[in-house]
Protein backbone atom coordinates (compact mmCIF):
# COMPACT_ATOMS: atom_id res chain seq x y z
CA MET A 1 -49.96 89.91 -26.68
CA LYS A 2 -51.37 92.12 -23.14
CA THR A 3 -51.35 95.27 -21.61
CA GLU A 4 -52.05 95.76 -18.05
CA THR A 5 -51.66 99.33 -16.23
CA ILE A 6 -49.94 99.48 -12.66
CA SER A 7 -49.98 101.84 -10.47
CA THR A 8 -46.77 103.19 -7.92
CA GLU A 9 -46.13 105.60 -6.49
CA THR A 10 -44.58 108.39 -8.91
CA GLY A 11 -47.79 107.47 -11.45
CA ASP A 12 -49.61 104.79 -13.44
CA ALA A 13 -46.86 102.05 -15.36
CA ARG A 14 -48.35 100.66 -17.85
CA ILE A 15 -47.42 96.59 -19.43
CA THR A 16 -47.17 94.90 -22.34
CA TRP A 17 -46.33 91.67 -22.44
CA HIS A 18 -45.34 89.53 -25.25
CA PRO A 19 -46.15 85.66 -24.45
CA ALA A 20 -43.98 83.33 -24.65
CA LYS A 21 -45.60 79.35 -24.97
CA GLN A 22 -43.64 77.82 -23.08
CA PRO A 23 -41.23 81.03 -21.10
CA ARG A 24 -37.91 80.34 -19.22
CA LEU A 25 -37.19 83.30 -18.74
CA VAL A 26 -38.82 86.98 -18.72
CA LEU A 27 -37.47 90.20 -20.54
CA ALA A 28 -38.45 93.62 -18.30
CA VAL A 29 -37.42 96.84 -21.04
CA SER A 30 -38.18 100.15 -20.67
CA HIS A 31 -37.70 103.04 -22.84
CA GLY A 32 -35.95 106.04 -22.68
CA ALA A 33 -36.50 110.34 -22.06
CA GLY A 34 -36.57 111.39 -25.32
CA GLY A 35 -39.33 107.81 -26.50
CA GLY A 36 -41.44 105.01 -26.12
CA ILE A 37 -42.14 101.56 -25.98
CA GLU A 38 -41.98 102.59 -30.34
CA ALA A 39 -38.57 102.47 -30.47
CA ARG A 40 -37.10 100.21 -33.12
CA ASP A 41 -35.05 98.13 -30.81
CA LEU A 42 -38.38 97.48 -27.64
CA GLN A 43 -40.91 96.43 -30.91
CA ALA A 44 -37.69 93.81 -32.63
CA LEU A 45 -37.10 92.36 -29.15
CA ALA A 46 -41.14 91.82 -28.67
CA ARG A 47 -41.12 89.80 -32.12
CA VAL A 48 -38.01 88.19 -31.50
CA LEU A 49 -37.62 87.12 -28.34
CA PRO A 50 -41.33 85.12 -27.53
CA VAL A 51 -40.09 82.85 -30.38
CA HIS A 52 -36.45 81.14 -27.64
CA GLY A 53 -38.75 81.14 -24.56
CA VAL A 54 -38.63 85.05 -23.71
CA THR A 55 -41.52 86.60 -22.50
CA VAL A 56 -41.14 90.64 -23.40
CA ALA A 57 -42.60 93.68 -20.83
CA LEU A 58 -42.13 96.61 -22.61
CA VAL A 59 -42.84 99.18 -19.82
CA GLU A 60 -43.98 102.41 -20.03
CA GLN A 61 -42.52 105.54 -17.76
CA PRO A 62 -45.63 106.71 -15.47
CA TRP A 63 -43.88 109.72 -17.16
CA ARG A 64 -45.09 108.65 -20.55
CA VAL A 65 -48.97 107.29 -19.50
CA ALA A 66 -49.50 111.02 -18.21
CA GLY A 67 -48.37 112.22 -21.22
CA LYS A 68 -45.03 114.19 -20.25
CA LYS A 69 -42.34 115.71 -22.72
CA LEU A 70 -40.14 115.17 -20.04
CA ALA A 71 -38.74 112.68 -18.08
CA PRO A 72 -38.57 113.27 -14.47
CA ALA A 73 -35.13 112.96 -11.51
CA PRO A 74 -33.22 109.77 -12.46
CA LYS A 75 -34.65 108.79 -8.32
CA THR A 76 -38.17 109.51 -9.72
CA LEU A 77 -37.94 106.95 -12.75
CA ASP A 78 -36.34 104.04 -10.03
CA VAL A 79 -39.21 104.49 -8.10
CA GLY A 80 -42.05 104.26 -10.53
CA TRP A 81 -39.36 100.56 -11.75
CA ARG A 82 -39.54 99.55 -8.73
CA GLY A 83 -43.59 99.55 -7.81
CA ILE A 84 -43.37 98.05 -11.91
CA TRP A 85 -41.61 95.42 -10.69
CA PRO A 86 -44.35 93.49 -8.60
CA ALA A 87 -45.74 92.60 -11.84
CA LEU A 88 -43.06 91.79 -14.02
CA VAL A 89 -41.98 88.47 -10.94
CA ARG A 90 -45.12 87.68 -10.76
CA PRO A 91 -45.64 84.93 -13.18
CA GLY A 92 -43.01 83.22 -11.15
CA LEU A 93 -39.60 83.08 -13.87
CA PRO A 94 -36.46 85.12 -13.69
CA VAL A 95 -36.61 88.79 -14.82
CA ILE A 96 -34.09 90.59 -17.21
CA SER A 97 -34.41 93.74 -16.04
CA GLY A 98 -33.70 95.86 -19.42
CA GLY A 99 -34.19 99.84 -20.81
CA ARG A 100 -33.02 102.01 -23.51
CA SER A 101 -30.70 105.34 -22.73
CA ALA A 102 -32.12 105.66 -19.85
CA GLY A 103 -34.63 103.30 -19.22
CA ALA A 104 -30.88 101.60 -19.02
CA ARG A 105 -29.66 103.65 -16.49
CA VAL A 106 -32.58 102.42 -14.44
CA ALA A 107 -31.75 99.31 -14.77
CA CYS A 108 -27.97 99.06 -13.18
CA ARG A 109 -28.41 101.39 -10.37
CA THR A 110 -32.05 98.49 -9.02
CA ALA A 111 -30.53 95.16 -10.11
CA VAL A 112 -28.65 94.45 -7.45
CA GLU A 113 -32.21 95.69 -4.90
CA LEU A 114 -35.00 94.15 -7.28
CA GLY A 115 -32.69 90.74 -7.31
CA ALA A 116 -32.43 91.63 -11.56
CA ALA A 117 -31.46 88.24 -13.61
CA GLY A 118 -29.48 90.61 -15.33
CA VAL A 119 -29.33 94.03 -17.75
CA LEU A 120 -30.19 94.38 -20.95
CA ALA A 121 -28.85 97.69 -21.54
CA LEU A 122 -29.83 99.58 -24.94
CA SER A 123 -27.44 102.76 -26.14
CA PHE A 124 -26.37 103.34 -22.68
CA PRO A 125 -25.63 107.14 -22.58
CA LEU A 126 -21.92 106.50 -21.34
CA HIS A 127 -22.04 110.02 -21.46
CA PRO A 128 -23.84 113.26 -22.17
CA PRO A 129 -23.47 113.87 -26.45
CA GLY A 130 -19.42 116.04 -26.55
CA ARG A 131 -18.90 115.78 -22.18
CA PRO A 132 -16.22 112.94 -22.06
CA GLU A 133 -15.46 113.55 -18.89
CA LYS A 134 -19.23 113.67 -17.27
CA SER A 135 -19.11 109.24 -17.15
CA ARG A 136 -21.78 107.45 -16.17
CA ALA A 137 -19.61 104.96 -16.13
CA GLY A 138 -19.93 104.07 -12.79
CA GLU A 139 -23.85 102.45 -13.01
CA LEU A 140 -23.18 99.98 -15.56
CA LEU A 141 -20.28 98.80 -13.78
CA GLY A 142 -22.26 98.62 -10.05
CA SER A 143 -24.09 96.68 -11.59
CA GLY A 144 -24.03 93.33 -9.85
CA VAL A 145 -25.54 91.51 -12.42
CA PRO A 146 -25.20 89.81 -15.38
CA THR A 147 -24.39 92.64 -18.24
CA LEU A 148 -25.21 93.17 -22.23
CA VAL A 149 -24.10 96.33 -23.47
CA VAL A 150 -26.21 96.92 -27.36
CA GLN A 151 -24.97 99.98 -28.42
CA GLY A 152 -24.79 101.56 -31.79
CA GLY A 153 -20.87 102.46 -32.91
CA ASN A 154 -21.80 106.35 -33.54
CA ASP A 155 -23.24 106.54 -30.32
CA PRO A 156 -22.84 110.49 -29.82
CA PHE A 157 -23.71 108.78 -25.81
CA GLY A 158 -21.03 107.00 -25.79
CA LYS A 159 -19.34 104.95 -28.98
CA PRO A 160 -18.07 101.48 -27.93
CA GLU A 161 -14.45 102.09 -27.48
CA GLU A 162 -14.88 105.06 -25.44
CA PHE A 163 -16.29 102.39 -22.47
CA PRO A 164 -14.57 100.74 -19.13
CA GLU A 165 -13.66 97.00 -19.30
CA GLY A 166 -15.40 94.97 -16.72
CA SER A 167 -17.81 92.02 -15.87
CA PHE A 168 -20.15 93.17 -18.87
CA GLU A 169 -20.40 92.27 -22.77
CA LEU A 170 -20.97 94.54 -25.55
CA ALA A 171 -22.50 93.61 -29.02
CA GLU A 172 -22.03 96.75 -31.32
CA VAL A 173 -24.59 97.66 -34.13
CA PRO A 174 -22.53 99.22 -36.51
CA TYR A 175 -22.56 102.27 -37.92
CA GLY A 176 -25.74 102.93 -35.64
CA ASP A 177 -27.01 106.25 -33.97
CA HIS A 178 -28.08 106.75 -30.61
CA GLY A 179 -31.61 104.75 -31.89
CA PHE A 180 -30.39 102.24 -33.41
CA ALA A 181 -30.52 104.38 -37.09
CA VAL A 182 -27.86 103.52 -40.22
CA PRO A 183 -27.19 106.44 -42.27
CA LYS A 184 -27.69 105.59 -46.43
CA ARG A 185 -24.76 105.19 -47.66
CA ALA A 186 -23.47 102.54 -44.76
CA GLU A 187 -22.82 98.58 -45.55
CA VAL A 188 -25.73 97.62 -43.03
CA THR A 189 -29.03 97.84 -44.05
CA GLN A 190 -31.20 99.45 -41.60
CA ASP A 191 -32.85 95.87 -41.54
CA GLU A 192 -29.40 93.94 -40.83
CA ALA A 193 -28.72 96.72 -37.31
CA VAL A 194 -31.60 95.78 -36.00
CA THR A 195 -31.11 91.40 -36.44
CA VAL A 196 -27.82 92.85 -34.89
CA ILE A 197 -29.77 93.08 -31.51
CA THR A 198 -31.36 90.71 -31.47
CA ASP A 199 -29.15 88.44 -32.81
CA ALA A 200 -27.54 89.32 -29.70
CA VAL A 201 -29.42 88.80 -27.11
CA VAL A 202 -31.23 85.82 -28.61
CA LYS A 203 -26.74 85.15 -27.62
CA TRP A 204 -26.68 86.78 -24.04
CA VAL A 205 -30.23 85.53 -22.82
CA GLY A 206 -29.55 81.94 -24.19
CA SER A 207 -26.35 82.39 -21.80
CA LEU A 208 -28.10 82.87 -18.61
CA GLY A 209 -29.50 78.76 -18.51
């Protein structure tokens, strides 16, 4: 594991690399608007994916590195992601652009422009809680590259059954909320829920060739 600081137009970002011994892909994943790379799903991917030939780059957006508590506007997030991208492609491998929540939206919006090999959308915020009419489906459907959505079964930002039909794949984490937490009374444990996430991503990246 190694960490590097990357200068962007919106400030310094930080990448924590979890390298595979014989990598064939890089999975770059960023956090959401309310948390960092300590999120359970991001940490699980960094732990599991390198064994499967995928180097994982956990990306902290400039606003988070600067210690701010609130994420900036979507356009500013996109500028930061563009500034980070050259460091992600430096190893010379195909890069999957990924993120959780707001980070997933950034990945979808910029995938074609940056030449991403795919998009991993964790907890894609299809709409604000209780506001299904404010749909962000257009961002997801417009990613333009192979896309996997991993969504909690009880995510208030969009349950799996609310998603429109499209060319993306969708994996459901039973009982999971927006952070993939499951209730203690659920039929799956928290560890099992996290395994659903990593298993789905391992299978999907294997299909990318």
